[in-house]
């Protein structure tokens, strides 16, 4: 597992590389690694017809069926956050609710390789991103799944899959989204955070 952690750290660092092809190559590997973490769980969720309909899609498979859209959330230290942002054309900063310990921006590579790059507003503080960085260092912090109705999706996961959300009620997310979180078990007894995201306006 240490080897994979080192690889992920390198791929994260490569997001600030001056060479666009190096950035994209590492981004594809990083996104694949993130989705692979939770694929067994997500595949089980997708067996539920109603939940599958709630999950948004941005692409189709080779049979023309929609694929769910997954965004990989990467937590980085503040100085690295600025380097990655500058190397990728200084994308717009997302509007994060002021009570949440996060700064973020979006990165996209290829058709369905999406990232949220996240950092803490208070290094060493008690916020979620700060605690993640203190405990685990830079790396894959969460997998985000777009849904059309976060309240209904949360209810399905709670009642049909026995998975308790982190928050008892949906909360505001970046850029007017509505979100909730689930801490799920993945390989080797580890945990990964899955964020359900309902875009602003439900579209």
N, C-alpha and C. Protein backbone atom coordinates (compact mmCIF):
# COMPACT_ATOMS: atom_id res chain seq x y z
N UNK A 1 0.82 -1.21 0.00
CA UNK A 1 0.00 0.00 0.00
C UNK A 1 0.86 1.26 0.00
N UNK A 2 2.05 1.16 0.64
CA UNK A 2 2.96 2.30 0.66
C UNK A 2 3.36 2.69 -0.74
N UNK A 3 3.60 1.67 -1.60
CA UNK A 3 3.97 1.95 -2.98
C UNK A 3 2.91 2.73 -3.70
N UNK A 4 1.64 2.35 -3.50
CA UNK A 4 0.56 3.09 -4.16
C UNK A 4 0.46 4.51 -3.60
N UNK A 5 0.66 4.66 -2.30
CA UNK A 5 0.61 6.00 -1.71
C UNK A 5 1.68 6.89 -2.32
N UNK A 6 2.87 6.33 -2.53
CA UNK A 6 3.95 7.10 -3.15
C UNK A 6 3.59 7.47 -4.58
N UNK A 7 2.98 6.52 -5.31
CA UNK A 7 2.56 6.81 -6.68
C UNK A 7 1.55 7.93 -6.72
N UNK A 8 0.56 7.86 -5.81
CA UNK A 8 -0.47 8.89 -5.76
C UNK A 8 0.14 10.25 -5.45
N UNK A 9 1.09 10.29 -4.51
CA UNK A 9 1.75 11.54 -4.17
C UNK A 9 2.47 12.12 -5.39
N UNK A 10 3.09 11.25 -6.19
CA UNK A 10 3.78 11.71 -7.40
C UNK A 10 2.78 12.25 -8.41
N UNK A 11 1.66 11.54 -8.59
CA UNK A 11 0.66 11.99 -9.55
C UNK A 11 0.07 13.33 -9.13
N UNK A 12 -0.14 13.50 -7.83
CA UNK A 12 -0.65 14.79 -7.33
C UNK A 12 0.36 15.89 -7.63
N UNK A 13 1.63 15.62 -7.35
CA UNK A 13 2.67 16.62 -7.62
C UNK A 13 2.74 16.96 -9.10
N UNK A 14 2.51 15.96 -9.96
CA UNK A 14 2.57 16.17 -11.41
C UNK A 14 1.47 17.10 -11.92
N UNK A 15 0.42 17.30 -11.15
CA UNK A 15 -0.63 18.22 -11.57
C UNK A 15 -0.14 19.66 -11.67
N UNK A 16 1.04 19.92 -11.09
CA UNK A 16 1.66 21.24 -11.18
C UNK A 16 2.80 21.27 -12.18
N UNK A 17 2.98 20.20 -12.94
CA UNK A 17 4.08 20.13 -13.90
C UNK A 17 3.88 21.15 -15.01
N UNK A 18 4.97 21.70 -15.51
CA UNK A 18 4.89 22.69 -16.60
C UNK A 18 4.47 22.06 -17.92
N UNK A 19 4.65 20.75 -18.06
CA UNK A 19 4.33 20.04 -19.30
C UNK A 19 2.87 19.59 -19.28
N UNK A 20 2.01 20.09 -20.15
CA UNK A 20 0.60 19.69 -20.14
C UNK A 20 0.38 18.19 -20.31
N UNK A 21 1.23 17.55 -21.13
CA UNK A 21 1.06 16.11 -21.34
C UNK A 21 1.39 15.33 -20.07
N UNK A 22 2.37 15.80 -19.29
CA UNK A 22 2.70 15.15 -18.02
C UNK A 22 1.56 15.32 -17.03
N UNK A 23 0.95 16.51 -17.02
CA UNK A 23 -0.18 16.74 -16.13
C UNK A 23 -1.34 15.81 -16.47
N UNK A 24 -1.63 15.70 -17.76
CA UNK A 24 -2.76 14.88 -18.17
C UNK A 24 -2.53 13.40 -17.91
N UNK A 25 -1.32 12.93 -18.17
CA UNK A 25 -1.02 11.51 -17.95
C UNK A 25 -1.19 11.14 -16.48
N UNK A 26 -0.68 11.98 -15.60
CA UNK A 26 -0.82 11.70 -14.17
C UNK A 26 -2.25 11.89 -13.71
N UNK A 27 -2.95 12.85 -14.29
CA UNK A 27 -4.35 13.06 -13.93
C UNK A 27 -5.19 11.83 -14.24
N UNK A 28 -4.97 11.22 -15.40
CA UNK A 28 -5.72 10.02 -15.77
C UNK A 28 -5.46 8.88 -14.80
N UNK A 29 -4.20 8.71 -14.39
CA UNK A 29 -3.87 7.66 -13.43
C UNK A 29 -4.48 7.96 -12.07
N UNK A 30 -4.43 9.21 -11.67
CA UNK A 30 -4.95 9.61 -10.37
C UNK A 30 -6.47 9.42 -10.30
N UNK A 31 -7.15 9.82 -11.37
CA UNK A 31 -8.61 9.67 -11.41
C UNK A 31 -8.99 8.19 -11.37
N UNK A 32 -8.29 7.38 -12.14
CA UNK A 32 -8.56 5.94 -12.16
C UNK A 32 -8.36 5.32 -10.79
N UNK A 33 -7.30 5.73 -10.10
CA UNK A 33 -7.02 5.20 -8.76
C UNK A 33 -8.12 5.61 -7.78
N UNK A 34 -8.60 6.84 -7.91
CA UNK A 34 -9.65 7.31 -7.02
C UNK A 34 -10.95 6.55 -7.21
N UNK A 35 -11.37 6.40 -8.45
CA UNK A 35 -12.62 5.69 -8.74
C UNK A 35 -12.50 4.22 -8.34
N UNK A 36 -11.32 3.63 -8.56
CA UNK A 36 -11.13 2.22 -8.21
C UNK A 36 -11.29 1.97 -6.71
N UNK A 37 -10.98 2.96 -5.90
CA UNK A 37 -11.13 2.81 -4.46
C UNK A 37 -12.55 2.43 -4.07
N UNK A 38 -13.52 3.08 -4.73
CA UNK A 38 -14.91 2.92 -4.30
C UNK A 38 -15.77 2.20 -5.33
N UNK A 39 -15.18 1.72 -6.41
CA UNK A 39 -15.97 1.05 -7.45
C UNK A 39 -16.81 -0.11 -6.92
N UNK A 40 -16.28 -0.98 -6.05
CA UNK A 40 -17.13 -2.07 -5.55
C UNK A 40 -18.38 -1.57 -4.84
N UNK A 41 -18.23 -0.52 -4.05
CA UNK A 41 -19.38 0.06 -3.34
C UNK A 41 -20.34 0.72 -4.33
N UNK A 42 -19.81 1.54 -5.23
CA UNK A 42 -20.66 2.24 -6.18
C UNK A 42 -21.39 1.28 -7.10
N UNK A 43 -20.73 0.21 -7.49
CA UNK A 43 -21.38 -0.78 -8.36
C UNK A 43 -22.56 -1.45 -7.66
N UNK A 44 -22.43 -1.66 -6.35
CA UNK A 44 -23.56 -2.21 -5.59
C UNK A 44 -24.71 -1.20 -5.54
N UNK A 45 -24.38 0.06 -5.30
CA UNK A 45 -25.42 1.09 -5.26
C UNK A 45 -26.15 1.19 -6.59
N UNK A 46 -25.40 1.06 -7.68
CA UNK A 46 -25.99 1.21 -9.01
C UNK A 46 -26.94 0.07 -9.38
N UNK A 47 -26.95 -1.00 -8.59
CA UNK A 47 -27.90 -2.08 -8.85
C UNK A 47 -29.32 -1.68 -8.47
N UNK A 48 -29.43 -0.63 -7.66
CA UNK A 48 -30.76 -0.14 -7.29
C UNK A 48 -31.27 0.77 -8.40
N UNK A 49 -32.38 0.40 -9.07
CA UNK A 49 -32.84 1.17 -10.23
C UNK A 49 -33.13 2.64 -9.92
N UNK A 50 -33.74 2.91 -8.78
CA UNK A 50 -34.07 4.30 -8.46
C UNK A 50 -32.81 5.11 -8.19
N UNK A 51 -31.88 4.53 -7.45
CA UNK A 51 -30.64 5.25 -7.17
C UNK A 51 -29.84 5.49 -8.44
N UNK A 52 -29.84 4.49 -9.32
CA UNK A 52 -29.13 4.63 -10.60
C UNK A 52 -29.70 5.80 -11.41
N UNK A 53 -31.01 5.96 -11.38
CA UNK A 53 -31.64 7.08 -12.10
C UNK A 53 -31.27 8.42 -11.50
N UNK A 54 -31.04 8.44 -10.19
CA UNK A 54 -30.69 9.69 -9.52
C UNK A 54 -29.26 10.13 -9.81
N UNK A 55 -28.42 9.18 -10.20
CA UNK A 55 -27.01 9.52 -10.45
C UNK A 55 -26.87 10.14 -11.84
N UNK A 56 -26.19 11.25 -11.89
CA UNK A 56 -26.01 11.95 -13.16
C UNK A 56 -24.96 11.26 -14.01
N UNK A 57 -24.99 11.53 -15.31
CA UNK A 57 -23.98 10.97 -16.20
C UNK A 57 -23.49 12.03 -17.17
N UNK A 58 -22.22 11.93 -17.50
CA UNK A 58 -21.61 12.86 -18.45
C UNK A 58 -21.08 12.13 -19.68
N UNK A 59 -21.14 10.82 -19.67
CA UNK A 59 -20.58 10.05 -20.78
C UNK A 59 -21.35 8.75 -20.94
N UNK A 60 -21.04 8.00 -21.99
CA UNK A 60 -21.68 6.72 -22.22
C UNK A 60 -20.62 5.65 -22.43
N UNK A 61 -21.01 4.41 -22.15
CA UNK A 61 -20.08 3.31 -22.38
C UNK A 61 -20.14 2.87 -23.84
N UNK A 62 -19.45 1.77 -24.16
CA UNK A 62 -19.36 1.36 -25.58
C UNK A 62 -20.68 0.80 -26.12
N UNK A 63 -21.68 0.68 -25.26
CA UNK A 63 -23.01 0.24 -25.70
C UNK A 63 -24.02 1.40 -25.67
N UNK A 64 -23.49 2.61 -25.44
CA UNK A 64 -24.36 3.77 -25.43
C UNK A 64 -25.11 4.01 -24.15
N UNK A 65 -24.77 3.24 -23.10
CA UNK A 65 -25.44 3.42 -21.82
C UNK A 65 -24.71 4.48 -21.00
N UNK A 66 -25.45 5.29 -20.22
CA UNK A 66 -24.80 6.36 -19.46
C UNK A 66 -23.91 5.83 -18.35
N UNK A 67 -22.76 6.46 -18.19
CA UNK A 67 -21.88 6.19 -17.07
C UNK A 67 -22.09 7.25 -15.99
N UNK A 68 -22.13 6.87 -14.72
CA UNK A 68 -22.20 7.88 -13.67
C UNK A 68 -20.97 8.77 -13.71
N UNK A 69 -21.15 10.03 -13.34
CA UNK A 69 -20.05 10.99 -13.35
C UNK A 69 -19.42 11.08 -11.97
N UNK A 70 -18.15 10.73 -11.87
CA UNK A 70 -17.45 10.76 -10.60
C UNK A 70 -16.35 11.83 -10.65
N UNK A 71 -16.30 12.63 -9.59
CA UNK A 71 -15.24 13.61 -9.44
C UNK A 71 -14.36 13.18 -8.28
N UNK A 72 -13.06 13.20 -8.48
CA UNK A 72 -12.12 12.81 -7.44
C UNK A 72 -11.65 14.07 -6.71
N UNK A 73 -11.86 14.09 -5.40
CA UNK A 73 -11.42 15.22 -4.59
C UNK A 73 -10.02 14.98 -4.06
N UNK A 74 -9.11 15.89 -4.37
CA UNK A 74 -7.70 15.77 -3.97
C UNK A 74 -7.37 16.86 -2.95
N UNK A 75 -6.93 16.44 -1.78
CA UNK A 75 -6.52 17.40 -0.75
C UNK A 75 -5.02 17.67 -0.87
N UNK A 76 -4.66 18.95 -0.89
CA UNK A 76 -3.25 19.34 -1.00
C UNK A 76 -2.96 20.47 -0.01
N UNK A 77 -1.69 20.64 0.30
CA UNK A 77 -1.28 21.75 1.16
C UNK A 77 -1.50 23.09 0.43
N UNK A 78 -1.72 24.18 1.19
CA UNK A 78 -2.02 25.47 0.56
C UNK A 78 -1.02 25.92 -0.50
N UNK A 79 0.28 25.74 -0.24
CA UNK A 79 1.27 26.20 -1.22
C UNK A 79 1.19 25.38 -2.51
N UNK A 80 0.88 24.09 -2.37
CA UNK A 80 0.76 23.23 -3.54
C UNK A 80 -0.52 23.53 -4.29
N UNK A 81 -1.56 23.88 -3.56
CA UNK A 81 -2.84 24.29 -4.15
C UNK A 81 -2.61 25.44 -5.13
N UNK A 82 -1.82 26.42 -4.72
CA UNK A 82 -1.57 27.58 -5.58
C UNK A 82 -0.72 27.20 -6.79
N UNK A 83 0.24 26.29 -6.61
CA UNK A 83 1.09 25.87 -7.73
C UNK A 83 0.27 25.11 -8.77
N UNK A 84 -0.58 24.19 -8.31
CA UNK A 84 -1.41 23.42 -9.25
C UNK A 84 -2.36 24.35 -9.98
N UNK A 85 -2.94 25.28 -9.27
CA UNK A 85 -3.88 26.22 -9.89
C UNK A 85 -3.18 27.05 -10.96
N UNK A 86 -1.99 27.57 -10.65
CA UNK A 86 -1.26 28.41 -11.60
C UNK A 86 -0.85 27.61 -12.84
N UNK A 87 -0.43 26.36 -12.64
CA UNK A 87 0.02 25.53 -13.77
C UNK A 87 -1.12 25.18 -14.72
N UNK A 88 -2.35 25.28 -14.24
CA UNK A 88 -3.51 24.90 -15.05
C UNK A 88 -4.38 26.09 -15.44
N UNK A 89 -3.73 27.26 -15.56
CA UNK A 89 -4.44 28.43 -16.07
C UNK A 89 -5.26 29.18 -15.05
N UNK A 90 -5.00 28.97 -13.77
CA UNK A 90 -5.70 29.68 -12.68
C UNK A 90 -7.22 29.57 -12.78
N UNK A 91 -7.78 28.34 -12.68
CA UNK A 91 -9.24 28.19 -12.73
C UNK A 91 -9.93 28.99 -11.62
N UNK A 92 -11.18 29.30 -11.86
CA UNK A 92 -11.98 30.06 -10.89
C UNK A 92 -12.05 29.30 -9.57
N UNK A 93 -11.92 30.02 -8.47
CA UNK A 93 -12.11 29.42 -7.16
C UNK A 93 -13.60 29.20 -6.92
N UNK A 94 -13.94 28.06 -6.41
CA UNK A 94 -15.33 27.77 -6.08
C UNK A 94 -15.76 28.61 -4.88
N UNK A 95 -17.06 28.89 -4.81
CA UNK A 95 -17.61 29.63 -3.67
C UNK A 95 -18.01 28.63 -2.59
N UNK A 96 -17.16 28.52 -1.59
CA UNK A 96 -17.37 27.57 -0.50
C UNK A 96 -18.02 28.31 0.67
N UNK A 97 -19.06 27.74 1.29
CA UNK A 97 -19.67 28.39 2.45
C UNK A 97 -18.60 28.77 3.48
N UNK A 98 -18.70 29.98 4.04
CA UNK A 98 -17.64 30.49 4.92
C UNK A 98 -17.41 29.69 6.19
N UNK A 99 -18.41 28.89 6.60
CA UNK A 99 -18.23 28.11 7.82
C UNK A 99 -17.49 26.80 7.57
N UNK A 100 -17.12 26.55 6.33
CA UNK A 100 -16.44 25.29 5.99
C UNK A 100 -14.96 25.54 5.72
N UNK A 101 -14.15 24.64 6.24
CA UNK A 101 -12.69 24.76 6.13
C UNK A 101 -12.22 24.23 4.78
N UNK A 102 -12.43 25.03 3.73
CA UNK A 102 -11.98 24.55 2.42
C UNK A 102 -11.86 25.70 1.44
N UNK A 103 -10.85 25.58 0.59
CA UNK A 103 -10.75 26.34 -0.65
C UNK A 103 -10.69 25.29 -1.75
N UNK A 104 -11.29 25.57 -2.90
CA UNK A 104 -11.26 24.56 -3.96
C UNK A 104 -11.43 25.18 -5.34
N UNK A 105 -10.96 24.42 -6.32
CA UNK A 105 -11.23 24.73 -7.71
C UNK A 105 -11.34 23.42 -8.48
N UNK A 106 -11.95 23.50 -9.66
CA UNK A 106 -12.16 22.31 -10.48
C UNK A 106 -11.10 22.20 -11.55
N UNK A 107 -10.73 20.96 -11.85
CA UNK A 107 -9.84 20.66 -12.98
C UNK A 107 -10.49 19.57 -13.81
N UNK A 108 -10.36 19.68 -15.13
CA UNK A 108 -10.89 18.65 -16.02
C UNK A 108 -9.84 18.25 -17.03
N UNK A 109 -9.73 16.96 -17.25
CA UNK A 109 -8.85 16.40 -18.26
C UNK A 109 -9.67 15.36 -19.03
N UNK A 110 -9.48 15.34 -20.35
CA UNK A 110 -10.25 14.41 -21.19
C UNK A 110 -11.75 14.66 -20.98
N UNK A 111 -12.59 13.68 -21.33
CA UNK A 111 -14.03 13.89 -21.28
C UNK A 111 -14.62 13.69 -19.90
N UNK A 112 -14.10 12.77 -19.13
CA UNK A 112 -14.74 12.44 -17.86
C UNK A 112 -13.75 12.31 -16.71
N UNK A 113 -12.63 12.99 -16.83
CA UNK A 113 -11.60 12.97 -15.79
C UNK A 113 -11.68 14.29 -15.02
N UNK A 114 -12.47 14.28 -13.96
CA UNK A 114 -12.78 15.51 -13.23
C UNK A 114 -12.20 15.47 -11.82
N UNK A 115 -11.71 16.63 -11.38
CA UNK A 115 -11.15 16.75 -10.03
C UNK A 115 -11.68 17.99 -9.34
N UNK A 116 -11.79 17.91 -8.03
CA UNK A 116 -11.85 19.08 -7.17
C UNK A 116 -10.53 19.10 -6.40
N UNK A 117 -9.78 20.18 -6.56
CA UNK A 117 -8.55 20.35 -5.80
C UNK A 117 -8.90 21.16 -4.56
N UNK A 118 -8.61 20.58 -3.39
CA UNK A 118 -9.04 21.16 -2.13
C UNK A 118 -7.86 21.46 -1.22
N UNK A 119 -7.98 22.51 -0.45
CA UNK A 119 -7.00 22.76 0.60
C UNK A 119 -7.71 23.39 1.79
N UNK A 120 -6.98 23.48 2.89
CA UNK A 120 -7.54 24.04 4.11
C UNK A 120 -7.36 25.56 4.16
N UNK A 121 -8.28 26.23 4.80
CA UNK A 121 -8.13 27.66 5.07
C UNK A 121 -7.30 27.90 6.32
N UNK A 122 -7.24 26.86 7.17
CA UNK A 122 -6.54 27.00 8.45
C UNK A 122 -5.61 25.81 8.67
N UNK A 123 -4.39 25.86 8.12
CA UNK A 123 -3.44 24.76 8.30
C UNK A 123 -3.24 24.44 9.79
N UNK A 124 -3.30 23.16 10.10
CA UNK A 124 -3.14 22.75 11.49
C UNK A 124 -4.40 22.90 12.32
N UNK A 125 -5.49 23.33 11.70
CA UNK A 125 -6.74 23.55 12.41
C UNK A 125 -7.57 22.29 12.57
N UNK A 126 -8.84 22.49 12.96
CA UNK A 126 -9.71 21.37 13.26
C UNK A 126 -10.68 21.05 12.12
N UNK A 127 -10.57 21.74 11.00
CA UNK A 127 -11.46 21.49 9.88
C UNK A 127 -11.18 20.15 9.21
N UNK A 128 -12.14 19.70 8.40
CA UNK A 128 -12.03 18.37 7.79
C UNK A 128 -10.80 18.23 6.90
N UNK A 129 -10.54 19.22 6.06
CA UNK A 129 -9.38 19.13 5.16
C UNK A 129 -8.08 19.23 5.94
N UNK A 130 -8.04 20.14 6.91
CA UNK A 130 -6.84 20.28 7.74
C UNK A 130 -6.53 18.98 8.46
N UNK A 131 -7.56 18.33 9.01
CA UNK A 131 -7.34 17.07 9.74
C UNK A 131 -6.89 15.95 8.80
N UNK A 132 -7.47 15.93 7.59
CA UNK A 132 -7.05 14.92 6.61
C UNK A 132 -5.57 15.09 6.28
N UNK A 133 -5.15 16.32 6.01
CA UNK A 133 -3.75 16.58 5.66
C UNK A 133 -2.81 16.23 6.81
N UNK A 134 -3.23 16.54 8.03
CA UNK A 134 -2.39 16.22 9.19
C UNK A 134 -2.22 14.72 9.36
N UNK A 135 -3.30 13.98 9.12
CA UNK A 135 -3.28 12.53 9.36
C UNK A 135 -2.70 11.74 8.20
N UNK A 136 -3.07 12.12 6.98
CA UNK A 136 -2.74 11.28 5.82
C UNK A 136 -1.85 11.96 4.78
N UNK A 137 -1.69 13.25 4.88
CA UNK A 137 -0.91 13.96 3.87
C UNK A 137 -1.72 14.18 2.60
N UNK A 138 -1.09 14.68 1.57
CA UNK A 138 -1.79 14.97 0.32
C UNK A 138 -2.25 13.68 -0.36
N UNK A 139 -3.41 13.73 -0.98
CA UNK A 139 -3.89 12.55 -1.68
C UNK A 139 -5.38 12.61 -1.93
N UNK A 140 -5.95 11.45 -2.24
CA UNK A 140 -7.37 11.33 -2.57
C UNK A 140 -8.18 11.46 -1.29
N UNK A 141 -8.95 12.53 -1.18
CA UNK A 141 -9.70 12.81 0.04
C UNK A 141 -11.13 12.33 -0.04
N UNK A 142 -11.72 12.35 -1.24
CA UNK A 142 -13.12 11.93 -1.39
C UNK A 142 -13.43 11.64 -2.85
N UNK A 143 -14.52 10.93 -3.06
CA UNK A 143 -15.06 10.72 -4.40
C UNK A 143 -16.44 11.35 -4.41
N UNK A 144 -16.70 12.20 -5.38
CA UNK A 144 -17.96 12.93 -5.46
C UNK A 144 -18.84 12.33 -6.56
N UNK A 145 -20.10 12.09 -6.20
CA UNK A 145 -21.06 11.50 -7.13
C UNK A 145 -22.21 12.49 -7.32
N UNK A 146 -22.43 12.94 -8.54
CA UNK A 146 -23.52 13.86 -8.82
C UNK A 146 -24.85 13.12 -8.82
N UNK A 147 -25.84 13.71 -8.19
CA UNK A 147 -27.19 13.15 -8.15
C UNK A 147 -28.19 14.26 -8.42
N UNK A 148 -29.38 13.89 -8.87
CA UNK A 148 -30.41 14.89 -9.15
C UNK A 148 -31.17 15.29 -7.90
N UNK A 149 -31.16 14.44 -6.87
CA UNK A 149 -31.89 14.73 -5.64
C UNK A 149 -31.11 14.12 -4.48
N UNK A 150 -30.33 14.94 -3.78
CA UNK A 150 -29.46 14.41 -2.73
C UNK A 150 -30.26 13.89 -1.55
N UNK A 151 -31.41 14.51 -1.25
CA UNK A 151 -32.22 14.03 -0.13
C UNK A 151 -32.75 12.62 -0.39
N UNK A 152 -33.25 12.39 -1.59
CA UNK A 152 -33.79 11.07 -1.92
C UNK A 152 -32.68 10.03 -1.99
N UNK A 153 -31.54 10.40 -2.59
CA UNK A 153 -30.41 9.46 -2.67
C UNK A 153 -29.91 9.09 -1.28
N UNK A 154 -29.85 10.08 -0.39
CA UNK A 154 -29.42 9.82 0.99
C UNK A 154 -30.39 8.87 1.68
N UNK A 155 -31.68 9.09 1.47
CA UNK A 155 -32.69 8.23 2.09
C UNK A 155 -32.57 6.80 1.59
N UNK A 156 -32.32 6.62 0.30
CA UNK A 156 -32.17 5.27 -0.26
C UNK A 156 -30.96 4.57 0.34
N UNK A 157 -29.86 5.28 0.45
CA UNK A 157 -28.65 4.67 1.01
C UNK A 157 -28.86 4.30 2.48
N UNK A 158 -29.58 5.14 3.19
CA UNK A 158 -29.84 4.87 4.60
C UNK A 158 -30.78 3.67 4.80
N UNK A 159 -31.87 3.64 4.04
CA UNK A 159 -32.90 2.63 4.28
C UNK A 159 -32.67 1.32 3.54
N UNK A 160 -32.11 1.38 2.33
CA UNK A 160 -31.94 0.15 1.55
C UNK A 160 -30.56 -0.47 1.67
N UNK A 161 -29.57 0.36 2.00
CA UNK A 161 -28.20 -0.15 2.08
C UNK A 161 -27.63 -0.09 3.50
N UNK A 162 -28.37 0.52 4.42
CA UNK A 162 -27.92 0.60 5.80
C UNK A 162 -26.68 1.45 6.00
N UNK A 163 -26.50 2.45 5.13
CA UNK A 163 -25.33 3.32 5.21
C UNK A 163 -25.76 4.67 5.80
N UNK A 164 -25.20 5.02 6.93
CA UNK A 164 -25.59 6.26 7.60
C UNK A 164 -24.82 7.45 7.04
N UNK A 165 -25.50 8.55 6.74
CA UNK A 165 -24.80 9.74 6.27
C UNK A 165 -24.02 10.41 7.40
N UNK A 166 -23.01 11.18 7.02
CA UNK A 166 -22.24 11.93 8.02
C UNK A 166 -23.13 12.97 8.69
N UNK A 167 -23.98 13.62 7.90
CA UNK A 167 -24.85 14.68 8.43
C UNK A 167 -26.30 14.21 8.41
N UNK A 168 -27.02 14.55 9.45
CA UNK A 168 -28.42 14.13 9.55
C UNK A 168 -29.30 14.82 8.51
N UNK A 169 -28.85 15.97 8.02
CA UNK A 169 -29.60 16.71 6.99
C UNK A 169 -28.63 17.21 5.94
N UNK A 170 -29.14 17.33 4.71
CA UNK A 170 -28.33 17.87 3.62
C UNK A 170 -27.81 19.25 3.99
N UNK A 171 -26.58 19.54 3.56
CA UNK A 171 -25.98 20.85 3.88
C UNK A 171 -25.54 21.55 2.61
N UNK A 172 -25.32 22.88 2.67
CA UNK A 172 -24.83 23.61 1.50
C UNK A 172 -23.42 23.19 1.15
N UNK A 173 -23.15 23.11 -0.16
CA UNK A 173 -21.80 22.84 -0.64
C UNK A 173 -21.29 23.99 -1.48
N UNK A 174 -20.21 23.77 -2.20
CA UNK A 174 -19.60 24.82 -3.02
C UNK A 174 -20.52 25.19 -4.19
N UNK A 175 -20.48 26.47 -4.54
CA UNK A 175 -21.20 26.98 -5.72
C UNK A 175 -22.70 26.66 -5.69
N UNK A 176 -23.30 26.74 -4.52
CA UNK A 176 -24.74 26.56 -4.42
C UNK A 176 -25.23 25.13 -4.48
N UNK A 177 -24.32 24.16 -4.43
CA UNK A 177 -24.73 22.76 -4.44
C UNK A 177 -25.32 22.38 -3.09
N UNK A 178 -25.97 21.22 -3.06
CA UNK A 178 -26.46 20.61 -1.84
C UNK A 178 -25.77 19.26 -1.71
N UNK A 179 -25.26 18.95 -0.50
CA UNK A 179 -24.39 17.78 -0.37
C UNK A 179 -24.67 17.01 0.91
N UNK A 180 -24.26 15.76 0.89
CA UNK A 180 -24.11 14.95 2.10
C UNK A 180 -22.98 13.97 1.85
N UNK A 181 -22.49 13.37 2.93
CA UNK A 181 -21.30 12.53 2.86
C UNK A 181 -21.54 11.18 3.50
N UNK A 182 -20.83 10.17 2.97
CA UNK A 182 -20.89 8.81 3.51
C UNK A 182 -19.46 8.28 3.62
N UNK A 183 -19.12 7.75 4.79
CA UNK A 183 -17.81 7.13 4.98
C UNK A 183 -17.99 5.63 4.76
N UNK A 184 -17.38 5.12 3.68
CA UNK A 184 -17.61 3.73 3.30
C UNK A 184 -16.32 2.92 3.46
N UNK A 185 -16.49 1.62 3.68
CA UNK A 185 -15.35 0.72 3.81
C UNK A 185 -14.85 0.32 2.43
N UNK A 186 -13.54 0.36 2.25
CA UNK A 186 -12.93 -0.05 0.99
C UNK A 186 -11.89 -1.13 1.28
N UNK A 187 -11.02 -1.40 0.34
CA UNK A 187 -10.06 -2.51 0.48
C UNK A 187 -9.15 -2.34 1.69
N UNK A 188 -8.72 -3.47 2.22
CA UNK A 188 -7.74 -3.53 3.31
C UNK A 188 -8.24 -2.84 4.57
N UNK A 189 -9.55 -2.85 4.78
CA UNK A 189 -10.11 -2.28 6.00
C UNK A 189 -10.05 -0.78 6.09
N UNK A 190 -9.77 -0.12 4.99
CA UNK A 190 -9.67 1.34 5.00
C UNK A 190 -11.03 1.97 4.71
N UNK A 191 -11.09 3.28 4.88
CA UNK A 191 -12.32 4.02 4.65
C UNK A 191 -12.09 5.07 3.57
N UNK A 192 -13.17 5.40 2.87
CA UNK A 192 -13.12 6.47 1.87
C UNK A 192 -14.40 7.28 1.98
N UNK A 193 -14.29 8.57 1.80
CA UNK A 193 -15.44 9.46 1.87
C UNK A 193 -16.08 9.58 0.50
N UNK A 194 -17.40 9.36 0.45
CA UNK A 194 -18.17 9.56 -0.77
C UNK A 194 -19.09 10.75 -0.53
N UNK A 195 -19.04 11.72 -1.42
CA UNK A 195 -19.89 12.91 -1.32
C UNK A 195 -20.97 12.86 -2.40
N UNK A 196 -22.22 12.92 -1.99
CA UNK A 196 -23.32 13.07 -2.93
C UNK A 196 -23.53 14.56 -3.19
N UNK A 197 -23.56 14.95 -4.46
CA UNK A 197 -23.63 16.36 -4.83
C UNK A 197 -24.83 16.61 -5.73
N UNK A 198 -25.72 17.47 -5.29
CA UNK A 198 -26.83 17.92 -6.12
C UNK A 198 -26.49 19.31 -6.64
N UNK A 199 -26.25 19.46 -7.94
CA UNK A 199 -25.86 20.77 -8.48
C UNK A 199 -26.90 21.86 -8.20
N UNK A 200 -26.45 23.07 -8.23
CA UNK A 200 -27.33 24.21 -7.99
C UNK A 200 -28.52 24.18 -8.96
N UNK A 201 -29.72 24.33 -8.43
CA UNK A 201 -30.90 24.30 -9.25
C UNK A 201 -31.34 22.90 -9.64
N UNK A 202 -30.60 21.86 -9.14
CA UNK A 202 -30.95 20.48 -9.44
C UNK A 202 -30.74 20.10 -10.88
N UNK A 203 -29.86 20.84 -11.60
CA UNK A 203 -29.62 20.56 -13.02
C UNK A 203 -28.18 20.22 -13.25
